[in-house]
């Protein structure tokens, strides 16, 4: 019977639970923010876009854009424009 004395190979077989937890936390936060945006802006069909926004932008930037958009005549359109601008790096 052949034994494996290579410690690095054995260690690499252990799963990294921290990575999975961080990805799970990020997806839950993304979903939470997207649902909050649907509630504020009343646009269920925009949920996939709001998920993309929540995943791509820092949370403070999202809420700043929402606050700015709520002052306009078309809050949903303005919010979408502000977020697209920020995701394209032109802000």
PDB file of N, CA and C in Angstrom:
ATOM      1  N   UNK A   1       0.840  -1.170   0.000  1.00  0.00           N
ATOM      2  CA  UNK A   1       0.000   0.000   0.000  1.00  0.00           C
ATOM      3  C   UNK A   1       0.892   1.241   0.000  1.00  0.00           C
ATOM      4  N   UNK A   2       0.583   2.173  -0.873  1.00  0.00           N
ATOM      5  CA  UNK A   2       1.369   3.389  -1.023  1.00  0.00           C
ATOM      6  C   UNK A   2       0.813   4.462  -0.081  1.00  0.00           C
ATOM      7  N   UNK A   3       1.685   5.111   0.666  1.00  0.00           N
ATOM      8  CA  UNK A   3       1.233   6.171   1.568  1.00  0.00           C
ATOM      9  C   UNK A   3       1.556   7.518   0.959  1.00  0.00           C
ATOM     10  N   UNK A   4       0.748   8.489   1.290  1.00  0.00           N
ATOM     11  CA  UNK A   4       0.940   9.845   0.775  1.00  0.00           C
ATOM     12  C   UNK A   4       1.506  10.705   1.892  1.00  0.00           C
ATOM     13  N   UNK A   5       2.754  11.104   1.771  1.00  0.00           N
ATOM     14  CA  UNK A   5       3.402  11.921   2.789  1.00  0.00           C
ATOM     15  C   UNK A   5       3.443  13.392   2.397  1.00  0.00           C
ATOM     16  N   UNK A   6       2.807  13.758   1.313  1.00  0.00           N
ATOM     17  CA  UNK A   6       2.831  15.139   0.855  1.00  0.00           C
ATOM     18  C   UNK A   6       1.758  15.935   1.599  1.00  0.00           C
ATOM     19  N   UNK A   7       2.186  16.745   2.562  1.00  0.00           N
ATOM     20  CA  UNK A   7       1.259  17.499   3.415  1.00  0.00           C
ATOM     21  C   UNK A   7       0.484  18.523   2.600  1.00  0.00           C
ATOM     22  N   UNK A   8       1.121  19.176   1.649  1.00  0.00           N
ATOM     23  CA  UNK A   8       0.432  20.194   0.849  1.00  0.00           C
ATOM     24  C   UNK A   8      -0.733  19.612   0.077  1.00  0.00           C
ATOM     25  N   UNK A   9      -0.556  18.405  -0.442  1.00  0.00           N
ATOM     26  CA  UNK A   9      -1.633  17.765  -1.188  1.00  0.00           C
ATOM     27  C   UNK A   9      -2.808  17.442  -0.272  1.00  0.00           C
ATOM     28  N   UNK A  10      -2.539  17.008   0.920  1.00  0.00           N
ATOM     29  CA  UNK A  10      -3.596  16.673   1.872  1.00  0.00           C
ATOM     30  C   UNK A  10      -4.337  17.925   2.311  1.00  0.00           C
ATOM     31  N   UNK A  11      -3.610  18.993   2.595  1.00  0.00           N
ATOM     32  CA  UNK A  11      -4.232  20.248   3.038  1.00  0.00           C
ATOM     33  C   UNK A  11      -5.110  20.829   1.941  1.00  0.00           C
ATOM     34  N   UNK A  12      -4.688  20.709   0.690  1.00  0.00           N
ATOM     35  CA  UNK A  12      -5.459  21.302  -0.394  1.00  0.00           C
ATOM     36  C   UNK A  12      -6.803  20.605  -0.605  1.00  0.00           C
ATOM     37  N   UNK A  13      -6.995  19.425  -0.051  1.00  0.00           N
ATOM     38  CA  UNK A  13      -8.259  18.718  -0.194  1.00  0.00           C
ATOM     39  C   UNK A  13      -9.329  19.240   0.757  1.00  0.00           C
ATOM     40  N   UNK A  14      -8.931  20.019   1.751  1.00  0.00           N
ATOM     41  CA  UNK A  14      -9.900  20.572   2.690  1.00  0.00           C
ATOM     42  C   UNK A  14     -10.658  21.722   2.034  1.00  0.00           C
ATOM     43  N   UNK A  15     -11.966  21.752   2.138  1.00  0.00           N
ATOM     44  CA  UNK A  15     -12.722  22.852   1.537  1.00  0.00           C
ATOM     45  C   UNK A  15     -12.495  24.159   2.288  1.00  0.00           C
ATOM     46  N   UNK A  16     -12.599  25.245   1.573  1.00  0.00           N
ATOM     47  CA  UNK A  16     -12.462  26.566   2.166  1.00  0.00           C
ATOM     48  C   UNK A  16     -13.866  27.114   2.432  1.00  0.00           C
ATOM     49  N   UNK A  17     -14.342  26.936   3.646  1.00  0.00           N
ATOM     50  CA  UNK A  17     -15.704  27.340   3.984  1.00  0.00           C
ATOM     51  C   UNK A  17     -15.876  28.850   4.013  1.00  0.00           C
ATOM     52  N   UNK A  18     -14.819  29.585   4.246  1.00  0.00           N
ATOM     53  CA  UNK A  18     -14.916  31.042   4.283  1.00  0.00           C
ATOM     54  C   UNK A  18     -15.324  31.608   2.930  1.00  0.00           C
ATOM     55  N   UNK A  19     -14.798  31.070   1.863  1.00  0.00           N
ATOM     56  CA  UNK A  19     -15.151  31.551   0.529  1.00  0.00           C
ATOM     57  C   UNK A  19     -16.632  31.325   0.277  1.00  0.00           C
ATOM     58  N   UNK A  20     -17.123  30.140   0.580  1.00  0.00           N
ATOM     59  CA  UNK A  20     -18.537  29.848   0.364  1.00  0.00           C
ATOM     60  C   UNK A  20     -19.430  30.736   1.216  1.00  0.00           C
ATOM     61  N   UNK A  21     -19.047  30.981   2.462  1.00  0.00           N
ATOM     62  CA  UNK A  21     -19.834  31.844   3.336  1.00  0.00           C
ATOM     63  C   UNK A  21     -19.880  33.267   2.789  1.00  0.00           C
ATOM     64  N   UNK A  22     -18.753  33.777   2.311  1.00  0.00           N
ATOM     65  CA  UNK A  22     -18.717  35.133   1.771  1.00  0.00           C
ATOM     66  C   UNK A  22     -19.580  35.253   0.519  1.00  0.00           C
ATOM     67  N   UNK A  23     -19.538  34.257  -0.334  1.00  0.00           N
ATOM     68  CA  UNK A  23     -20.366  34.283  -1.539  1.00  0.00           C
ATOM     69  C   UNK A  23     -21.845  34.212  -1.170  1.00  0.00           C
ATOM     70  N   UNK A  24     -22.195  33.402  -0.181  1.00  0.00           N
ATOM     71  CA  UNK A  24     -23.571  33.299   0.264  1.00  0.00           C
ATOM     72  C   UNK A  24     -24.032  34.626   0.864  1.00  0.00           C
ATOM     73  N   UNK A  25     -23.193  35.235   1.692  1.00  0.00           N
ATOM     74  CA  UNK A  25     -23.531  36.522   2.289  1.00  0.00           C
ATOM     75  C   UNK A  25     -23.727  37.592   1.219  1.00  0.00           C
ATOM     76  N   UNK A  26     -22.869  37.610   0.212  1.00  0.00           N
ATOM     77  CA  UNK A  26     -22.977  38.592  -0.867  1.00  0.00           C
ATOM     78  C   UNK A  26     -24.273  38.391  -1.646  1.00  0.00           C
ATOM     79  N   UNK A  27     -24.641  37.147  -1.909  1.00  0.00           N
ATOM     80  CA  UNK A  27     -25.873  36.906  -2.669  1.00  0.00           C
ATOM     81  C   UNK A  27     -27.107  37.282  -1.851  1.00  0.00           C
ATOM     82  N   UNK A  28     -27.077  37.019  -0.545  1.00  0.00           N
ATOM     83  CA  UNK A  28     -28.208  37.401   0.308  1.00  0.00           C
ATOM     84  C   UNK A  28     -28.319  38.921   0.401  1.00  0.00           C
ATOM     85  N   UNK A  29     -27.204  39.607   0.520  1.00  0.00           N
ATOM     86  CA  UNK A  29     -27.216  41.072   0.577  1.00  0.00           C
ATOM     87  C   UNK A  29     -27.715  41.647  -0.754  1.00  0.00           C
ATOM     88  N   UNK A  30     -27.284  41.062  -1.852  1.00  0.00           N
ATOM     89  CA  UNK A  30     -27.729  41.503  -3.178  1.00  0.00           C
ATOM     90  C   UNK A  30     -29.241  41.371  -3.302  1.00  0.00           C
ATOM     91  N   UNK A  31     -29.761  40.242  -2.900  1.00  0.00           N
ATOM     92  CA  UNK A  31     -31.207  40.000  -2.970  1.00  0.00           C
ATOM     93  C   UNK A  31     -31.967  40.961  -2.057  1.00  0.00           C
ATOM     94  N   UNK A  32     -31.474  41.181  -0.850  1.00  0.00           N
ATOM     95  CA  UNK A  32     -32.122  42.091   0.103  1.00  0.00           C
ATOM     96  C   UNK A  32     -32.214  43.505  -0.472  1.00  0.00           C
ATOM     97  N   UNK A  33     -31.120  43.984  -1.047  1.00  0.00           N
ATOM     98  CA  UNK A  33     -31.097  45.330  -1.620  1.00  0.00           C
ATOM     99  C   UNK A  33     -32.035  45.413  -2.816  1.00  0.00           C
ATOM    100  N   UNK A  34     -32.014  44.411  -3.674  1.00  0.00           N
ATOM    101  CA  UNK A  34     -32.875  44.418  -4.865  1.00  0.00           C
ATOM    102  C   UNK A  34     -34.353  44.453  -4.485  1.00  0.00           C
ATOM    103  N   UNK A  35     -34.747  43.666  -3.481  1.00  0.00           N
ATOM    104  CA  UNK A  35     -36.142  43.699  -3.028  1.00  0.00           C
ATOM    105  C   UNK A  35     -36.498  45.055  -2.420  1.00  0.00           C
ATOM    106  N   UNK A  36     -35.565  45.664  -1.708  1.00  0.00           N
ATOM    107  CA  UNK A  36     -35.823  46.995  -1.139  1.00  0.00           C
ATOM    108  C   UNK A  36     -36.021  48.020  -2.252  1.00  0.00           C
ATOM    109  N   UNK A  37     -35.252  47.895  -3.321  1.00  0.00           N
ATOM    110  CA  UNK A  37     -35.404  48.819  -4.450  1.00  0.00           C
ATOM    111  C   UNK A  37     -36.743  48.614  -5.149  1.00  0.00           C
ATOM    112  N   UNK A  38     -37.183  47.376  -5.278  1.00  0.00           N
ATOM    113  CA  UNK A  38     -38.504  47.104  -5.860  1.00  0.00           C
ATOM    114  C   UNK A  38     -39.579  47.757  -5.001  1.00  0.00           C
ATOM    115  N   UNK A  39     -39.460  47.641  -3.687  1.00  0.00           N
ATOM    116  CA  UNK A  39     -40.442  48.252  -2.788  1.00  0.00           C
ATOM    117  C   UNK A  39     -40.451  49.771  -2.926  1.00  0.00           C
ATOM    118  N   UNK A  40     -39.281  50.378  -3.019  1.00  0.00           N
ATOM    119  CA  UNK A  40     -39.192  51.843  -3.090  1.00  0.00           C
ATOM    120  C   UNK A  40     -39.635  52.390  -4.440  1.00  0.00           C
ATOM    121  N   UNK A  41     -39.241  51.697  -5.516  1.00  0.00           N
ATOM    122  CA  UNK A  41     -39.500  52.218  -6.855  1.00  0.00           C
ATOM    123  C   UNK A  41     -40.726  51.587  -7.519  1.00  0.00           C
ATOM    124  N   UNK A  42     -41.246  50.500  -6.946  1.00  0.00           N
ATOM    125  CA  UNK A  42     -42.461  49.877  -7.456  1.00  0.00           C
ATOM    126  C   UNK A  42     -42.335  49.270  -8.838  1.00  0.00           C
ATOM    127  N   UNK A  43     -41.211  48.667  -9.128  1.00  0.00           N
ATOM    128  CA  UNK A  43     -40.985  48.115 -10.456  1.00  0.00           C
ATOM    129  C   UNK A  43     -40.485  46.683 -10.350  1.00  0.00           C
ATOM    130  N   UNK A  44     -41.414  45.730 -10.251  1.00  0.00           N
ATOM    131  CA  UNK A  44     -41.067  44.313 -10.119  1.00  0.00           C
ATOM    132  C   UNK A  44     -40.296  43.801 -11.335  1.00  0.00           C
ATOM    133  N   UNK A  45     -40.618  44.291 -12.524  1.00  0.00           N
ATOM    134  CA  UNK A  45     -39.933  43.819 -13.721  1.00  0.00           C
ATOM    135  C   UNK A  45     -38.468  44.247 -13.770  1.00  0.00           C
ATOM    136  N   UNK A  46     -38.088  45.222 -12.955  1.00  0.00           N
ATOM    137  CA  UNK A  46     -36.698  45.678 -12.904  1.00  0.00           C
ATOM    138  C   UNK A  46     -35.855  44.915 -11.887  1.00  0.00           C
ATOM    139  N   UNK A  47     -36.429  43.904 -11.241  1.00  0.00           N
ATOM    140  CA  UNK A  47     -35.704  43.146 -10.216  1.00  0.00           C
ATOM    141  C   UNK A  47     -34.359  42.600 -10.713  1.00  0.00           C
ATOM    142  N   UNK A  48     -34.285  42.002 -11.910  1.00  0.00           N
ATOM    143  CA  UNK A  48     -32.969  41.512 -12.369  1.00  0.00           C
ATOM    144  C   UNK A  48     -31.925  42.631 -12.494  1.00  0.00           C
ATOM    145  N   UNK A  49     -32.356  43.799 -12.968  1.00  0.00           N
ATOM    146  CA  UNK A  49     -31.428  44.925 -13.062  1.00  0.00           C
ATOM    147  C   UNK A  49     -31.006  45.387 -11.673  1.00  0.00           C
ATOM    148  N   UNK A  50     -31.939  45.426 -10.737  1.00  0.00           N
ATOM    149  CA  UNK A  50     -31.605  45.835  -9.371  1.00  0.00           C
ATOM    150  C   UNK A  50     -30.637  44.848  -8.720  1.00  0.00           C
ATOM    151  N   UNK A  51     -30.750  43.578  -9.056  1.00  0.00           N
ATOM    152  CA  UNK A  51     -29.772  42.598  -8.562  1.00  0.00           C
ATOM    153  C   UNK A  51     -28.385  42.914  -9.106  1.00  0.00           C
ATOM    154  N   UNK A  52     -28.326  43.255 -10.377  1.00  0.00           N
ATOM    155  CA  UNK A  52     -27.046  43.612 -10.989  1.00  0.00           C
ATOM    156  C   UNK A  52     -26.472  44.864 -10.340  1.00  0.00           C
ATOM    157  N   UNK A  53     -27.321  45.840 -10.076  1.00  0.00           N
ATOM    158  CA  UNK A  53     -26.896  47.067  -9.406  1.00  0.00           C
ATOM    159  C   UNK A  53     -26.350  46.739  -8.015  1.00  0.00           C
ATOM    160  N   UNK A  54     -27.105  45.937  -7.264  1.00  0.00           N
ATOM    161  CA  UNK A  54     -26.713  45.606  -5.895  1.00  0.00           C
ATOM    162  C   UNK A  54     -25.418  44.811  -5.853  1.00  0.00           C
ATOM    163  N   UNK A  55     -25.166  44.015  -6.872  1.00  0.00           N
ATOM    164  CA  UNK A  55     -23.937  43.226  -6.914  1.00  0.00           C
ATOM    165  C   UNK A  55     -22.742  44.076  -7.350  1.00  0.00           C
ATOM    166  N   UNK A  56     -22.993  45.071  -8.202  1.00  0.00           N
ATOM    167  CA  UNK A  56     -21.906  45.827  -8.823  1.00  0.00           C
ATOM    168  C   UNK A  56     -21.470  47.067  -8.051  1.00  0.00           C
ATOM    169  N   UNK A  57     -22.406  47.718  -7.385  1.00  0.00           N
ATOM    170  CA  UNK A  57     -22.100  48.996  -6.747  1.00  0.00           C
ATOM    171  C   UNK A  57     -22.029  48.869  -5.228  1.00  0.00           C
ATOM    172  N   UNK A  58     -21.249  49.732  -4.590  1.00  0.00           N
ATOM    173  CA  UNK A  58     -21.263  49.762  -3.123  1.00  0.00           C
ATOM    174  C   UNK A  58     -22.642  50.211  -2.629  1.00  0.00           C
ATOM    175  N   UNK A  59     -23.037  49.691  -1.492  1.00  0.00           N
ATOM    176  CA  UNK A  59     -24.390  49.959  -0.994  1.00  0.00           C
ATOM    177  C   UNK A  59     -24.649  51.449  -0.780  1.00  0.00           C
ATOM    178  N   UNK A  60     -23.662  52.177  -0.267  1.00  0.00           N
ATOM    179  CA  UNK A  60     -23.884  53.610  -0.033  1.00  0.00           C
ATOM    180  C   UNK A  60     -24.164  54.355  -1.337  1.00  0.00           C
ATOM    181  N   UNK A  61     -23.547  53.918  -2.436  1.00  0.00           N
ATOM    182  CA  UNK A  61     -23.772  54.565  -3.727  1.00  0.00           C
ATOM    183  C   UNK A  61     -25.194  54.301  -4.222  1.00  0.00           C
ATOM    184  N   UNK A  62     -25.699  53.101  -3.981  1.00  0.00           N
ATOM    185  CA  UNK A  62     -27.068  52.745  -4.387  1.00  0.00           C
ATOM    186  C   UNK A  62     -28.072  53.641  -3.670  1.00  0.00           C
ATOM    187  N   UNK A  63     -27.912  53.779  -2.347  1.00  0.00           N
ATOM    188  CA  UNK A  63     -28.875  54.577  -1.585  1.00  0.00           C
ATOM    189  C   UNK A  63     -28.736  56.063  -1.905  1.00  0.00           C
ATOM    190  N   UNK A  64     -27.535  56.535  -2.210  1.00  0.00           N
ATOM    191  CA  UNK A  64     -27.370  57.929  -2.645  1.00  0.00           C
ATOM    192  C   UNK A  64     -28.079  58.158  -3.976  1.00  0.00           C
ATOM    193  N   UNK A  65     -27.939  57.202  -4.900  1.00  0.00           N
ATOM    194  CA  UNK A  65     -28.623  57.320  -6.188  1.00  0.00           C
ATOM    195  C   UNK A  65     -30.142  57.295  -6.009  1.00  0.00           C
ATOM    196  N   UNK A  66     -30.621  56.448  -5.115  1.00  0.00           N
ATOM    197  CA  UNK A  66     -32.069  56.379  -4.871  1.00  0.00           C
ATOM    198  C   UNK A  66     -32.578  57.693  -4.279  1.00  0.00           C
ATOM    199  N   UNK A  67     -31.835  58.224  -3.327  1.00  0.00           N
ATOM    200  CA  UNK A  67     -32.241  59.496  -2.713  1.00  0.00           C
ATOM    201  C   UNK A  67     -32.297  60.609  -3.752  1.00  0.00           C
ATOM    202  N   UNK A  68     -31.314  60.665  -4.615  1.00  0.00           N
ATOM    203  CA  UNK A  68     -31.295  61.660  -5.686  1.00  0.00           C
ATOM    204  C   UNK A  68     -32.460  61.445  -6.648  1.00  0.00           C
ATOM    205  N   UNK A  69     -32.702  60.193  -7.010  1.00  0.00           N
ATOM    206  CA  UNK A  69     -33.753  59.873  -7.982  1.00  0.00           C
ATOM    207  C   UNK A  69     -35.141  60.192  -7.445  1.00  0.00           C
ATOM    208  N   UNK A  70     -35.365  60.023  -6.153  1.00  0.00           N
ATOM    209  CA  UNK A  70     -36.685  60.266  -5.576  1.00  0.00           C
ATOM    210  C   UNK A  70     -37.074  61.742  -5.639  1.00  0.00           C
ATOM    211  N   UNK A  71     -36.128  62.621  -5.873  1.00  0.00           N
ATOM    212  CA  UNK A  71     -36.406  64.056  -5.993  1.00  0.00           C
ATOM    213  C   UNK A  71     -36.830  64.445  -7.408  1.00  0.00           C
ATOM    214  N   UNK A  72     -36.665  63.528  -8.371  1.00  0.00           N
ATOM    215  CA  UNK A  72     -36.971  63.830  -9.771  1.00  0.00           C
ATOM    216  C   UNK A  72     -38.402  63.489 -10.143  1.00  0.00           C
ATOM    217  N   UNK A  73     -38.760  63.820 -11.379  1.00  0.00           N
ATOM    218  CA  UNK A  73     -40.113  63.554 -11.884  1.00  0.00           C
ATOM    219  C   UNK A  73     -40.312  62.082 -12.226  1.00  0.00           C
ATOM    220  N   UNK A  74     -39.246  61.398 -12.632  1.00  0.00           N
ATOM    221  CA  UNK A  74     -39.314  59.982 -12.996  1.00  0.00           C
ATOM    222  C   UNK A  74     -38.260  59.234 -12.178  1.00  0.00           C
ATOM    223  N   UNK A  75     -38.571  58.906 -10.910  1.00  0.00           N
ATOM    224  CA  UNK A  75     -37.561  58.312 -10.029  1.00  0.00           C
ATOM    225  C   UNK A  75     -36.962  57.013 -10.556  1.00  0.00           C
ATOM    226  N   UNK A  76     -37.781  56.134 -11.141  1.00  0.00           N
ATOM    227  CA  UNK A  76     -37.276  54.866 -11.649  1.00  0.00           C
ATOM    228  C   UNK A  76     -36.281  55.051 -12.789  1.00  0.00           C
ATOM    229  N   UNK A  77     -36.639  55.898 -13.720  1.00  0.00           N
ATOM    230  CA  UNK A  77     -35.763  56.160 -14.860  1.00  0.00           C
ATOM    231  C   UNK A  77     -34.471  56.838 -14.450  1.00  0.00           C
ATOM    232  N   UNK A  78     -34.579  57.810 -13.553  1.00  0.00           N
ATOM    233  CA  UNK A  78     -33.391  58.524 -13.091  1.00  0.00           C
ATOM    234  C   UNK A  78     -32.483  57.589 -12.290  1.00  0.00           C
ATOM    235  N   UNK A  79     -33.075  56.762 -11.437  1.00  0.00           N
ATOM    236  CA  UNK A  79     -32.277  55.806 -10.670  1.00  0.00           C
ATOM    237  C   UNK A  79     -31.525  54.861 -11.606  1.00  0.00           C
ATOM    238  N   UNK A  80     -32.225  54.326 -12.603  1.00  0.00           N
ATOM    239  CA  UNK A  80     -31.582  53.424 -13.561  1.00  0.00           C
ATOM    240  C   UNK A  80     -30.435  54.121 -14.283  1.00  0.00           C
ATOM    241  N   UNK A  81     -30.645  55.363 -14.698  1.00  0.00           N
ATOM    242  CA  UNK A  81     -29.610  56.101 -15.406  1.00  0.00           C
ATOM    243  C   UNK A  81     -28.401  56.343 -14.507  1.00  0.00           C
ATOM    244  N   UNK A  82     -28.648  56.765 -13.266  1.00  0.00           N
ATOM    245  CA  UNK A  82     -27.545  57.019 -12.332  1.00  0.00           C
ATOM    246  C   UNK A  82     -26.732  55.748 -12.076  1.00  0.00           C
ATOM    247  N   UNK A  83     -27.413  54.639 -11.894  1.00  0.00           N
ATOM    248  CA  UNK A  83     -26.714  53.380 -11.621  1.00  0.00           C
ATOM    249  C   UNK A  83     -25.947  52.881 -12.837  1.00  0.00           C
ATOM    250  N   UNK A  84     -26.542  53.006 -14.019  1.00  0.00           N
ATOM    251  CA  UNK A  84     -25.823  52.598 -15.232  1.00  0.00           C
ATOM    252  C   UNK A  84     -24.566  53.447 -15.412  1.00  0.00           C
ATOM    253  N   UNK A  85     -24.678  54.730 -15.148  1.00  0.00           N
ATOM    254  CA  UNK A  85     -23.532  55.622 -15.241  1.00  0.00           C
ATOM    255  C   UNK A  85     -22.433  55.180 -14.268  1.00  0.00           C
ATOM    256  N   UNK A  86     -22.821  54.865 -13.039  1.00  0.00           N
ATOM    257  CA  UNK A  86     -21.838  54.450 -12.042  1.00  0.00           C
ATOM    258  C   UNK A  86     -21.223  53.093 -12.371  1.00  0.00           C
ATOM    259  N   UNK A  87     -22.020  52.175 -12.896  1.00  0.00           N
ATOM    260  CA  UNK A  87     -21.482  50.849 -13.235  1.00  0.00           C
ATOM    261  C   UNK A  87     -20.533  50.908 -14.420  1.00  0.00           C
ATOM    262  N   UNK A  88     -20.699  51.916 -15.268  1.00  0.00           N
ATOM    263  CA  UNK A  88     -19.793  52.085 -16.401  1.00  0.00           C
ATOM    264  C   UNK A  88     -18.569  52.913 -16.037  1.00  0.00           C
ATOM    265  N   UNK A  89     -18.463  53.328 -14.778  1.00  0.00           N
ATOM    266  CA  UNK A  89     -17.288  54.039 -14.305  1.00  0.00           C
ATOM    267  C   UNK A  89     -17.175  55.483 -14.754  1.00  0.00           C
ATOM    268  N   UNK A  90     -18.294  56.113 -15.051  1.00  0.00           N
ATOM    269  CA  UNK A  90     -18.254  57.498 -15.516  1.00  0.00           C
ATOM    270  C   UNK A  90     -18.643  58.486 -14.436  1.00  0.00           C
ATOM    271  N   UNK A  91     -18.769  58.023 -13.203  1.00  0.00           N
ATOM    272  CA  UNK A  91     -19.159  58.924 -12.118  1.00  0.00           C
ATOM    273  C   UNK A  91     -17.949  59.472 -11.415  1.00  0.00           C
TER     274      UNK A  91
END
